All heavy atoms as atom14 arrays in JSON, in Angstrom:
{
  "sequence": "LCYYDIQPSVVLIKFLLNVLNFCGFNLNLENCASCGTQLNGDASIDFK",
  "atom14_mask": [
    [1, 1, 1, 1, 1, 1, 1, 1, 0, 0, 0, 0, 0, 0],
    [1, 1, 1, 1, 1, 1, 0, 0, 0, 0, 0, 0, 0, 0],
    [1, 1, 1, 1, 1, 1, 1, 1, 1, 1, 1, 1, 0, 0],
    [1, 1, 1, 1, 1, 1, 1, 1, 1, 1, 1, 1, 0, 0],
    [1, 1, 1, 1, 1, 1, 1, 1, 0, 0, 0, 0, 0, 0],
    [1, 1, 1, 1, 1, 1, 1, 1, 0, 0, 0, 0, 0, 0],
    [1, 1, 1, 1, 1, 1, 1, 1, 1, 0, 0, 0, 0, 0],
    [1, 1, 1, 1, 1, 1, 1, 0, 0, 0, 0, 0, 0, 0],
    [1, 1, 1, 1, 1, 1, 0, 0, 0, 0, 0, 0, 0, 0],
    [1, 1, 1, 1, 1, 1, 1, 0, 0, 0, 0, 0, 0, 0],
    [1, 1, 1, 1, 1, 1, 1, 0, 0, 0, 0, 0, 0, 0],
    [1, 1, 1, 1, 1, 1, 1, 1, 0, 0, 0, 0, 0, 0],
    [1, 1, 1, 1, 1, 1, 1, 1, 0, 0, 0, 0, 0, 0],
    [1, 1, 1, 1, 1, 1, 1, 1, 1, 0, 0, 0, 0, 0],
    [1, 1, 1, 1, 1, 1, 1, 1, 1, 1, 1, 0, 0, 0],
    [1, 1, 1, 1, 1, 1, 1, 1, 0, 0, 0, 0, 0, 0],
    [1, 1, 1, 1, 1, 1, 1, 1, 0, 0, 0, 0, 0, 0],
    [1, 1, 1, 1, 1, 1, 1, 1, 0, 0, 0, 0, 0, 0],
    [1, 1, 1, 1, 1, 1, 1, 0, 0, 0, 0, 0, 0, 0],
    [1, 1, 1, 1, 1, 1, 1, 1, 0, 0, 0, 0, 0, 0],
    [1, 1, 1, 1, 1, 1, 1, 1, 0, 0, 0, 0, 0, 0],
    [1, 1, 1, 1, 1, 1, 1, 1, 1, 1, 1, 0, 0, 0],
    [1, 1, 1, 1, 1, 1, 0, 0, 0, 0, 0, 0, 0, 0],
    [1, 1, 1, 1, 0, 0, 0, 0, 0, 0, 0, 0, 0, 0],
    [1, 1, 1, 1, 1, 1, 1, 1, 1, 1, 1, 0, 0, 0],
    [1, 1, 1, 1, 1, 1, 1, 1, 0, 0, 0, 0, 0, 0],
    [1, 1, 1, 1, 1, 1, 1, 1, 0, 0, 0, 0, 0, 0],
    [1, 1, 1, 1, 1, 1, 1, 1, 0, 0, 0, 0, 0, 0],
    [1, 1, 1, 1, 1, 1, 1, 1, 0, 0, 0, 0, 0, 0],
    [1, 1, 1, 1, 1, 1, 1, 1, 1, 0, 0, 0, 0, 0],
    [1, 1, 1, 1, 1, 1, 1, 1, 0, 0, 0, 0, 0, 0],
    [1, 1, 1, 1, 1, 1, 0, 0, 0, 0, 0, 0, 0, 0],
    [1, 1, 1, 1, 1, 0, 0, 0, 0, 0, 0, 0, 0, 0],
    [1, 1, 1, 1, 1, 1, 0, 0, 0, 0, 0, 0, 0, 0],
    [1, 1, 1, 1, 1, 1, 0, 0, 0, 0, 0, 0, 0, 0],
    [1, 1, 1, 1, 0, 0, 0, 0, 0, 0, 0, 0, 0, 0],
    [1, 1, 1, 1, 1, 1, 1, 0, 0, 0, 0, 0, 0, 0],
    [1, 1, 1, 1, 1, 1, 1, 1, 1, 0, 0, 0, 0, 0],
    [1, 1, 1, 1, 1, 1, 1, 1, 0, 0, 0, 0, 0, 0],
    [1, 1, 1, 1, 1, 1, 1, 1, 0, 0, 0, 0, 0, 0],
    [1, 1, 1, 1, 0, 0, 0, 0, 0, 0, 0, 0, 0, 0],
    [1, 1, 1, 1, 1, 1, 1, 1, 0, 0, 0, 0, 0, 0],
    [1, 1, 1, 1, 1, 0, 0, 0, 0, 0, 0, 0, 0, 0],
    [1, 1, 1, 1, 1, 1, 0, 0, 0, 0, 0, 0, 0, 0],
    [1, 1, 1, 1, 1, 1, 1, 1, 0, 0, 0, 0, 0, 0],
    [1, 1, 1, 1, 1, 1, 1, 1, 0, 0, 0, 0, 0, 0],
    [1, 1, 1, 1, 1, 1, 1, 1, 1, 1, 1, 0, 0, 0],
    [1, 1, 1, 1, 1, 1, 1, 1, 1, 0, 0, 0, 0, 0]
  ],
  "atom14_positions": [
    [[91.56, 126.88, 106.41], [90.69, 126.99, 107.55], [90.79, 128.49, 108.06], [89.79, 129.06, 108.33], [91.15, 126.04, 108.74], [90.41, 126.25, 110.01], [89.0, 125.9, 109.92], [91.09, 125.42, 111.14], [0.0, 0.0, 0.0], [0.0, 0.0, 0.0], [0.0, 0.0, 0.0], [0.0, 0.0, 0.0], [0.0, 0.0, 0.0], [0.0, 0.0, 0.0]],
    [[92.0, 129.06, 108.04], [92.21, 130.4, 108.61], [91.83, 131.44, 107.64], [91.24, 132.45, 108.05], [93.68, 130.46, 109.01], [94.09, 132.0, 109.95], [0.0, 0.0, 0.0], [0.0, 0.0, 0.0], [0.0, 0.0, 0.0], [0.0, 0.0, 0.0], [0.0, 0.0, 0.0], [0.0, 0.0, 0.0], [0.0, 0.0, 0.0], [0.0, 0.0, 0.0]],
    [[92.13, 131.35, 106.37], [92.1, 132.51, 105.55], [91.02, 132.39, 104.39], [90.92, 133.32, 103.56], [93.5, 132.64, 104.86], [94.57, 132.93, 105.84], [95.69, 132.05, 105.98], [94.53, 134.01, 106.67], [96.64, 132.28, 106.93], [95.53, 134.34, 107.55], [96.63, 133.42, 107.73], [97.59, 133.66, 108.64], [0.0, 0.0, 0.0], [0.0, 0.0, 0.0]],
    [[90.27, 131.32, 104.31], [89.27, 131.16, 103.32], [87.9, 130.9, 103.93], [87.8, 130.52, 105.02], [89.65, 130.0, 102.37], [90.84, 130.33, 101.49], [92.18, 130.19, 102.01], [90.64, 130.59, 100.17], [93.2, 130.47, 101.18], [91.84, 130.93, 99.31], [93.07, 130.76, 99.84], [94.16, 131.07, 99.11], [0.0, 0.0, 0.0], [0.0, 0.0, 0.0]],
    [[86.9, 131.33, 103.19], [85.55, 131.2, 103.67], [85.01, 129.8, 103.32], [84.25, 129.62, 102.4], [84.63, 132.24, 102.99], [83.23, 132.29, 103.59], [83.06, 131.78, 104.65], [82.31, 132.83, 102.82], [0.0, 0.0, 0.0], [0.0, 0.0, 0.0], [0.0, 0.0, 0.0], [0.0, 0.0, 0.0], [0.0, 0.0, 0.0], [0.0, 0.0, 0.0]],
    [[85.39, 128.84, 104.08], [84.99, 127.43, 104.0], [84.48, 126.98, 105.32], [85.06, 127.27, 106.35], [86.14, 126.55, 103.52], [86.86, 127.1, 102.26], [85.65, 125.12, 103.31], [88.0, 126.24, 101.81], [0.0, 0.0, 0.0], [0.0, 0.0, 0.0], [0.0, 0.0, 0.0], [0.0, 0.0, 0.0], [0.0, 0.0, 0.0], [0.0, 0.0, 0.0]],
    [[83.31, 126.25, 105.24], [82.81, 125.7, 106.58], [83.93, 124.9, 107.29], [84.5, 124.01, 106.71], [81.65, 124.81, 106.28], [80.93, 124.27, 107.55], [79.84, 123.34, 107.19], [79.5, 123.07, 106.04], [79.16, 122.82, 108.21], [0.0, 0.0, 0.0], [0.0, 0.0, 0.0], [0.0, 0.0, 0.0], [0.0, 0.0, 0.0], [0.0, 0.0, 0.0]],
    [[84.18, 125.24, 108.55], [85.23, 124.54, 109.25], [85.18, 123.02, 109.31], [86.1, 122.33, 109.16], [85.1, 125.09, 110.77], [84.52, 126.46, 110.49], [83.55, 126.34, 109.37], [0.0, 0.0, 0.0], [0.0, 0.0, 0.0], [0.0, 0.0, 0.0], [0.0, 0.0, 0.0], [0.0, 0.0, 0.0], [0.0, 0.0, 0.0], [0.0, 0.0, 0.0]],
    [[83.93, 122.55, 109.38], [83.8, 121.05, 109.39], [84.17, 120.41, 108.1], [84.63, 119.32, 108.07], [82.36, 120.62, 109.83], [81.37, 121.27, 108.85], [0.0, 0.0, 0.0], [0.0, 0.0, 0.0], [0.0, 0.0, 0.0], [0.0, 0.0, 0.0], [0.0, 0.0, 0.0], [0.0, 0.0, 0.0], [0.0, 0.0, 0.0], [0.0, 0.0, 0.0]],
    [[83.98, 121.17, 107.01], [84.3, 120.7, 105.67], [85.88, 120.53, 105.56], [86.4, 119.68, 104.98], [83.77, 121.51, 104.54], [84.28, 121.11, 103.19], [82.24, 121.49, 104.55], [0.0, 0.0, 0.0], [0.0, 0.0, 0.0], [0.0, 0.0, 0.0], [0.0, 0.0, 0.0], [0.0, 0.0, 0.0], [0.0, 0.0, 0.0], [0.0, 0.0, 0.0]],
    [[86.57, 121.66, 106.09], [87.99, 121.63, 106.11], [88.52, 120.4, 106.85], [89.44, 119.68, 106.46], [88.54, 122.94, 106.69], [90.18, 122.81, 106.75], [88.21, 124.15, 105.83], [0.0, 0.0, 0.0], [0.0, 0.0, 0.0], [0.0, 0.0, 0.0], [0.0, 0.0, 0.0], [0.0, 0.0, 0.0], [0.0, 0.0, 0.0], [0.0, 0.0, 0.0]],
    [[87.83, 120.13, 108.03], [88.32, 119.05, 108.87], [88.12, 117.72, 108.13], [89.0, 116.83, 108.18], [87.54, 119.05, 110.18], [87.86, 117.93, 111.2], [89.36, 117.94, 111.55], [86.99, 118.04, 112.41], [0.0, 0.0, 0.0], [0.0, 0.0, 0.0], [0.0, 0.0, 0.0], [0.0, 0.0, 0.0], [0.0, 0.0, 0.0], [0.0, 0.0, 0.0]],
    [[86.95, 117.5, 107.46], [86.68, 116.34, 106.69], [87.72, 116.16, 105.62], [88.29, 115.06, 105.41], [85.26, 116.34, 106.19], [84.3, 116.19, 107.28], [85.03, 115.27, 105.11], [82.85, 116.45, 106.93], [0.0, 0.0, 0.0], [0.0, 0.0, 0.0], [0.0, 0.0, 0.0], [0.0, 0.0, 0.0], [0.0, 0.0, 0.0], [0.0, 0.0, 0.0]],
    [[88.01, 117.22, 104.87], [89.04, 117.1, 103.82], [90.35, 116.75, 104.37], [91.11, 115.94, 103.75], [89.14, 118.48, 103.07], [90.14, 118.57, 101.99], [89.8, 117.58, 100.78], [90.8, 117.63, 99.69], [90.6, 116.7, 98.65], [0.0, 0.0, 0.0], [0.0, 0.0, 0.0], [0.0, 0.0, 0.0], [0.0, 0.0, 0.0], [0.0, 0.0, 0.0]],
    [[90.74, 117.38, 105.45], [92.03, 117.08, 106.14], [92.09, 115.56, 106.54], [93.09, 114.89, 106.35], [92.26, 117.99, 107.33], [93.28, 117.51, 108.34], [94.66, 117.69, 108.01], [92.98, 116.83, 109.47], [95.64, 117.27, 108.81], [93.94, 116.45, 110.34], [95.27, 116.6, 110.0], [0.0, 0.0, 0.0], [0.0, 0.0, 0.0], [0.0, 0.0, 0.0]],
    [[91.0, 115.07, 107.21], [90.99, 113.74, 107.7], [91.07, 112.79, 106.51], [91.77, 111.72, 106.61], [89.77, 113.45, 108.48], [89.73, 114.19, 109.84], [88.38, 113.97, 110.6], [90.82, 113.78, 110.74], [0.0, 0.0, 0.0], [0.0, 0.0, 0.0], [0.0, 0.0, 0.0], [0.0, 0.0, 0.0], [0.0, 0.0, 0.0], [0.0, 0.0, 0.0]],
    [[90.34, 113.02, 105.48], [90.41, 112.18, 104.27], [91.82, 112.18, 103.66], [92.31, 111.08, 103.31], [89.35, 112.66, 103.21], [87.91, 112.39, 103.56], [87.0, 113.12, 102.54], [87.55, 110.89, 103.57], [0.0, 0.0, 0.0], [0.0, 0.0, 0.0], [0.0, 0.0, 0.0], [0.0, 0.0, 0.0], [0.0, 0.0, 0.0], [0.0, 0.0, 0.0]],
    [[92.47, 113.34, 103.64], [93.8, 113.31, 103.08], [94.76, 112.6, 103.99], [95.61, 111.9, 103.53], [94.29, 114.8, 103.08], [93.66, 115.55, 101.83], [93.12, 115.01, 100.95], [93.74, 116.89, 101.85], [0.0, 0.0, 0.0], [0.0, 0.0, 0.0], [0.0, 0.0, 0.0], [0.0, 0.0, 0.0], [0.0, 0.0, 0.0], [0.0, 0.0, 0.0]],
    [[94.58, 112.72, 105.32], [95.5, 111.97, 106.25], [95.24, 110.51, 106.21], [96.15, 109.61, 106.14], [95.34, 112.47, 107.72], [96.02, 111.6, 108.64], [95.79, 113.87, 107.86], [0.0, 0.0, 0.0], [0.0, 0.0, 0.0], [0.0, 0.0, 0.0], [0.0, 0.0, 0.0], [0.0, 0.0, 0.0], [0.0, 0.0, 0.0], [0.0, 0.0, 0.0]],
    [[93.95, 110.04, 106.03], [93.73, 108.58, 105.87], [94.3, 108.05, 104.64], [94.99, 106.96, 104.63], [92.2, 108.43, 105.77], [91.44, 108.54, 107.18], [89.89, 108.39, 106.97], [91.85, 107.48, 108.14], [0.0, 0.0, 0.0], [0.0, 0.0, 0.0], [0.0, 0.0, 0.0], [0.0, 0.0, 0.0], [0.0, 0.0, 0.0], [0.0, 0.0, 0.0]],
    [[94.27, 108.81, 103.53], [94.9, 108.43, 102.27], [96.37, 108.32, 102.51], [97.11, 107.4, 102.03], [94.57, 109.41, 101.18], [93.16, 109.31, 100.73], [92.42, 108.38, 100.97], [92.67, 110.34, 100.06], [0.0, 0.0, 0.0], [0.0, 0.0, 0.0], [0.0, 0.0, 0.0], [0.0, 0.0, 0.0], [0.0, 0.0, 0.0], [0.0, 0.0, 0.0]],
    [[97.02, 109.35, 103.24], [98.38, 109.41, 103.53], [98.83, 108.15, 104.24], [99.91, 107.54, 104.04], [98.78, 110.65, 104.23], [100.14, 110.65, 104.87], [101.27, 110.93, 104.05], [100.3, 110.41, 106.27], [102.55, 110.95, 104.65], [101.52, 110.46, 106.81], [102.73, 110.7, 106.05], [0.0, 0.0, 0.0], [0.0, 0.0, 0.0], [0.0, 0.0, 0.0]],
    [[98.0, 107.77, 105.21], [98.33, 106.55, 106.04], [97.96, 105.22, 105.45], [98.21, 104.14, 105.98], [97.62, 106.62, 107.43], [98.19, 108.05, 108.4], [0.0, 0.0, 0.0], [0.0, 0.0, 0.0], [0.0, 0.0, 0.0], [0.0, 0.0, 0.0], [0.0, 0.0, 0.0], [0.0, 0.0, 0.0], [0.0, 0.0, 0.0], [0.0, 0.0, 0.0]],
    [[97.51, 105.27, 104.18], [97.15, 104.03, 103.49], [95.78, 103.51, 103.71], [95.43, 102.39, 103.29], [0.0, 0.0, 0.0], [0.0, 0.0, 0.0], [0.0, 0.0, 0.0], [0.0, 0.0, 0.0], [0.0, 0.0, 0.0], [0.0, 0.0, 0.0], [0.0, 0.0, 0.0], [0.0, 0.0, 0.0], [0.0, 0.0, 0.0], [0.0, 0.0, 0.0]],
    [[94.87, 104.3, 104.3], [93.51, 103.95, 104.49], [92.56, 104.68, 103.63], [91.79, 105.54, 104.05], [93.1, 104.17, 106.0], [93.85, 103.33, 106.99], [94.84, 103.99, 107.7], [93.6, 102.03, 107.17], [95.59, 103.24, 108.65], [94.35, 101.24, 108.14], [95.34, 101.87, 108.9], [0.0, 0.0, 0.0], [0.0, 0.0, 0.0], [0.0, 0.0, 0.0]],
    [[92.72, 104.41, 102.3], [91.83, 105.11, 101.37], [90.49, 104.54, 101.25], [90.22, 103.39, 100.83], [92.53, 104.94, 99.97], [91.94, 105.91, 99.0], [91.0, 106.56, 99.19], [92.61, 106.05, 97.76], [0.0, 0.0, 0.0], [0.0, 0.0, 0.0], [0.0, 0.0, 0.0], [0.0, 0.0, 0.0], [0.0, 0.0, 0.0], [0.0, 0.0, 0.0]],
    [[89.53, 105.22, 101.85], [88.14, 104.69, 101.94], [87.54, 104.6, 100.57], [87.59, 105.46, 99.76], [87.32, 105.74, 102.77], [87.55, 105.83, 104.32], [86.66, 106.88, 104.9], [87.37, 104.49, 104.97], [0.0, 0.0, 0.0], [0.0, 0.0, 0.0], [0.0, 0.0, 0.0], [0.0, 0.0, 0.0], [0.0, 0.0, 0.0], [0.0, 0.0, 0.0]],
    [[86.87, 103.46, 100.4], [86.11, 103.23, 99.18], [84.68, 103.74, 99.34], [83.94, 103.15, 100.16], [86.04, 101.66, 98.9], [85.37, 101.33, 97.61], [84.74, 102.21, 96.96], [85.32, 100.11, 97.19], [0.0, 0.0, 0.0], [0.0, 0.0, 0.0], [0.0, 0.0, 0.0], [0.0, 0.0, 0.0], [0.0, 0.0, 0.0], [0.0, 0.0, 0.0]],
    [[84.46, 104.83, 98.72], [83.08, 105.47, 98.84], [82.2, 105.17, 97.73], [81.09, 105.75, 97.61], [83.35, 107.01, 98.94], [84.23, 107.47, 100.12], [84.56, 109.0, 99.96], [83.53, 107.26, 101.52], [0.0, 0.0, 0.0], [0.0, 0.0, 0.0], [0.0, 0.0, 0.0], [0.0, 0.0, 0.0], [0.0, 0.0, 0.0], [0.0, 0.0, 0.0]],
    [[82.6, 104.23, 96.92], [81.82, 103.78, 95.7], [81.01, 102.52, 95.92], [79.88, 102.37, 95.53], [82.68, 103.73, 94.51], [83.37, 104.98, 94.1], [82.48, 106.08, 93.67], [81.33, 105.79, 93.22], [82.78, 107.29, 93.82], [0.0, 0.0, 0.0], [0.0, 0.0, 0.0], [0.0, 0.0, 0.0], [0.0, 0.0, 0.0], [0.0, 0.0, 0.0]],
    [[81.68, 101.63, 96.6], [81.07, 100.23, 96.73], [81.16, 99.74, 98.15], [82.03, 100.04, 98.96], [81.78, 99.21, 95.84], [81.75, 99.6, 94.34], [82.69, 100.25, 93.87], [80.7, 99.24, 93.66], [0.0, 0.0, 0.0], [0.0, 0.0, 0.0], [0.0, 0.0, 0.0], [0.0, 0.0, 0.0], [0.0, 0.0, 0.0], [0.0, 0.0, 0.0]],
    [[80.15, 98.94, 98.53], [80.1, 98.38, 99.9], [81.32, 97.48, 100.13], [81.66, 96.65, 99.25], [78.81, 97.59, 100.08], [78.71, 96.59, 101.61], [0.0, 0.0, 0.0], [0.0, 0.0, 0.0], [0.0, 0.0, 0.0], [0.0, 0.0, 0.0], [0.0, 0.0, 0.0], [0.0, 0.0, 0.0], [0.0, 0.0, 0.0], [0.0, 0.0, 0.0]],
    [[82.0, 97.65, 101.27], [83.19, 96.84, 101.53], [82.86, 95.39, 101.82], [83.75, 94.5, 101.79], [83.92, 97.46, 102.77], [0.0, 0.0, 0.0], [0.0, 0.0, 0.0], [0.0, 0.0, 0.0], [0.0, 0.0, 0.0], [0.0, 0.0, 0.0], [0.0, 0.0, 0.0], [0.0, 0.0, 0.0], [0.0, 0.0, 0.0], [0.0, 0.0, 0.0]],
    [[81.59, 95.09, 102.11], [81.16, 93.64, 102.4], [80.65, 92.95, 101.18], [81.19, 91.84, 100.77], [80.13, 93.68, 103.52], [80.72, 94.04, 104.79], [0.0, 0.0, 0.0], [0.0, 0.0, 0.0], [0.0, 0.0, 0.0], [0.0, 0.0, 0.0], [0.0, 0.0, 0.0], [0.0, 0.0, 0.0], [0.0, 0.0, 0.0], [0.0, 0.0, 0.0]],
    [[79.63, 93.52, 100.56], [78.96, 92.77, 99.49], [79.36, 93.31, 98.07], [79.06, 92.61, 97.01], [77.47, 92.77, 99.66], [76.76, 94.45, 99.46], [0.0, 0.0, 0.0], [0.0, 0.0, 0.0], [0.0, 0.0, 0.0], [0.0, 0.0, 0.0], [0.0, 0.0, 0.0], [0.0, 0.0, 0.0], [0.0, 0.0, 0.0], [0.0, 0.0, 0.0]],
    [[80.02, 94.46, 98.05], [80.5, 94.98, 96.73], [79.54, 95.72, 95.99], [79.83, 96.28, 94.89], [0.0, 0.0, 0.0], [0.0, 0.0, 0.0], [0.0, 0.0, 0.0], [0.0, 0.0, 0.0], [0.0, 0.0, 0.0], [0.0, 0.0, 0.0], [0.0, 0.0, 0.0], [0.0, 0.0, 0.0], [0.0, 0.0, 0.0], [0.0, 0.0, 0.0]],
    [[78.25, 95.88, 96.45], [77.22, 96.62, 95.67], [77.55, 98.09, 95.66], [78.16, 98.58, 96.61], [75.78, 96.33, 96.27], [75.82, 96.8, 97.63], [75.46, 94.89, 96.16], [0.0, 0.0, 0.0], [0.0, 0.0, 0.0], [0.0, 0.0, 0.0], [0.0, 0.0, 0.0], [0.0, 0.0, 0.0], [0.0, 0.0, 0.0], [0.0, 0.0, 0.0]],
    [[77.04, 98.78, 94.67], [77.31, 100.21, 94.53], [76.54, 100.92, 95.62], [75.4, 100.61, 95.97], [76.89, 100.74, 93.18], [77.25, 102.18, 92.97], [76.87, 102.7, 91.56], [76.32, 101.92, 90.8], [77.14, 103.92, 91.23], [0.0, 0.0, 0.0], [0.0, 0.0, 0.0], [0.0, 0.0, 0.0], [0.0, 0.0, 0.0], [0.0, 0.0, 0.0]],
    [[77.16, 101.92, 96.27], [76.59, 102.65, 97.35], [75.63, 103.81, 96.67], [76.2, 104.82, 96.35], [77.66, 103.31, 98.23], [78.51, 102.32, 98.87], [79.71, 103.04, 99.62], [77.73, 101.54, 99.96], [0.0, 0.0, 0.0], [0.0, 0.0, 0.0], [0.0, 0.0, 0.0], [0.0, 0.0, 0.0], [0.0, 0.0, 0.0], [0.0, 0.0, 0.0]],
    [[74.41, 103.55, 96.65], [73.47, 104.5, 96.0], [72.32, 104.84, 96.94], [71.26, 105.2, 96.48], [72.94, 103.9, 94.69], [72.37, 102.55, 94.8], [72.11, 102.11, 95.88], [72.07, 101.91, 93.67], [0.0, 0.0, 0.0], [0.0, 0.0, 0.0], [0.0, 0.0, 0.0], [0.0, 0.0, 0.0], [0.0, 0.0, 0.0], [0.0, 0.0, 0.0]],
    [[72.54, 104.73, 98.22], [71.56, 105.05, 99.14], [72.21, 105.3, 100.59], [73.45, 105.38, 100.62], [0.0, 0.0, 0.0], [0.0, 0.0, 0.0], [0.0, 0.0, 0.0], [0.0, 0.0, 0.0], [0.0, 0.0, 0.0], [0.0, 0.0, 0.0], [0.0, 0.0, 0.0], [0.0, 0.0, 0.0], [0.0, 0.0, 0.0], [0.0, 0.0, 0.0]],
    [[71.49, 105.37, 101.62], [72.15, 105.56, 103.0], [73.12, 104.32, 103.17], [72.82, 103.21, 102.92], [71.03, 105.48, 104.04], [70.21, 106.74, 104.08], [70.58, 107.77, 103.42], [69.23, 106.84, 104.89], [0.0, 0.0, 0.0], [0.0, 0.0, 0.0], [0.0, 0.0, 0.0], [0.0, 0.0, 0.0], [0.0, 0.0, 0.0], [0.0, 0.0, 0.0]],
    [[74.29, 104.74, 103.78], [75.3, 103.71, 103.93], [75.74, 103.73, 105.48], [74.89, 104.27, 106.34], [76.52, 104.06, 103.13], [0.0, 0.0, 0.0], [0.0, 0.0, 0.0], [0.0, 0.0, 0.0], [0.0, 0.0, 0.0], [0.0, 0.0, 0.0], [0.0, 0.0, 0.0], [0.0, 0.0, 0.0], [0.0, 0.0, 0.0], [0.0, 0.0, 0.0]],
    [[76.81, 103.09, 105.78], [77.29, 103.14, 107.2], [78.79, 103.13, 107.19], [79.45, 102.63, 106.29], [76.79, 101.91, 107.89], [77.3, 100.72, 107.38], [0.0, 0.0, 0.0], [0.0, 0.0, 0.0], [0.0, 0.0, 0.0], [0.0, 0.0, 0.0], [0.0, 0.0, 0.0], [0.0, 0.0, 0.0], [0.0, 0.0, 0.0], [0.0, 0.0, 0.0]],
    [[79.36, 103.67, 108.2], [80.77, 103.68, 108.5], [81.1, 102.66, 109.65], [80.54, 102.87, 110.72], [81.34, 105.08, 108.84], [81.14, 106.0, 107.71], [82.8, 104.96, 109.17], [81.6, 107.43, 107.97], [0.0, 0.0, 0.0], [0.0, 0.0, 0.0], [0.0, 0.0, 0.0], [0.0, 0.0, 0.0], [0.0, 0.0, 0.0], [0.0, 0.0, 0.0]],
    [[81.78, 101.63, 109.29], [82.07, 100.52, 110.29], [83.36, 100.8, 110.97], [84.48, 100.77, 110.31], [82.02, 99.18, 109.52], [81.97, 98.12, 110.62], [82.49, 98.23, 111.7], [81.37, 97.01, 110.3], [0.0, 0.0, 0.0], [0.0, 0.0, 0.0], [0.0, 0.0, 0.0], [0.0, 0.0, 0.0], [0.0, 0.0, 0.0], [0.0, 0.0, 0.0]],
    [[83.45, 101.1, 112.23], [84.59, 101.43, 112.95], [85.47, 100.17, 113.3], [86.57, 100.35, 113.73], [84.3, 102.27, 114.23], [83.76, 103.58, 113.91], [82.38, 103.83, 114.08], [84.61, 104.62, 113.47], [81.87, 105.14, 113.82], [84.07, 105.9, 113.2], [82.71, 106.15, 113.39], [0.0, 0.0, 0.0], [0.0, 0.0, 0.0], [0.0, 0.0, 0.0]],
    [[84.83, 99.0, 113.14], [85.59, 97.76, 113.48], [86.67, 97.48, 112.43], [87.77, 97.13, 112.75], [84.68, 96.59, 113.54], [85.26, 95.33, 114.03], [84.26, 94.24, 114.24], [84.94, 92.95, 114.76], [83.9, 91.83, 115.07], [0.0, 0.0, 0.0], [0.0, 0.0, 0.0], [0.0, 0.0, 0.0], [0.0, 0.0, 0.0], [0.0, 0.0, 0.0]]
  ]
}
């Protein structure tokens, strides 16, 4: 974030994804968590 030319929001997203993985919440970005179909269009993040 401090020393490289990277969009700050991208650094934050990378950090949050790393922390989620560290805490055991590895998001499945390939398939729908409900029906299992491949995510090949607009999707949604369910906070519940």
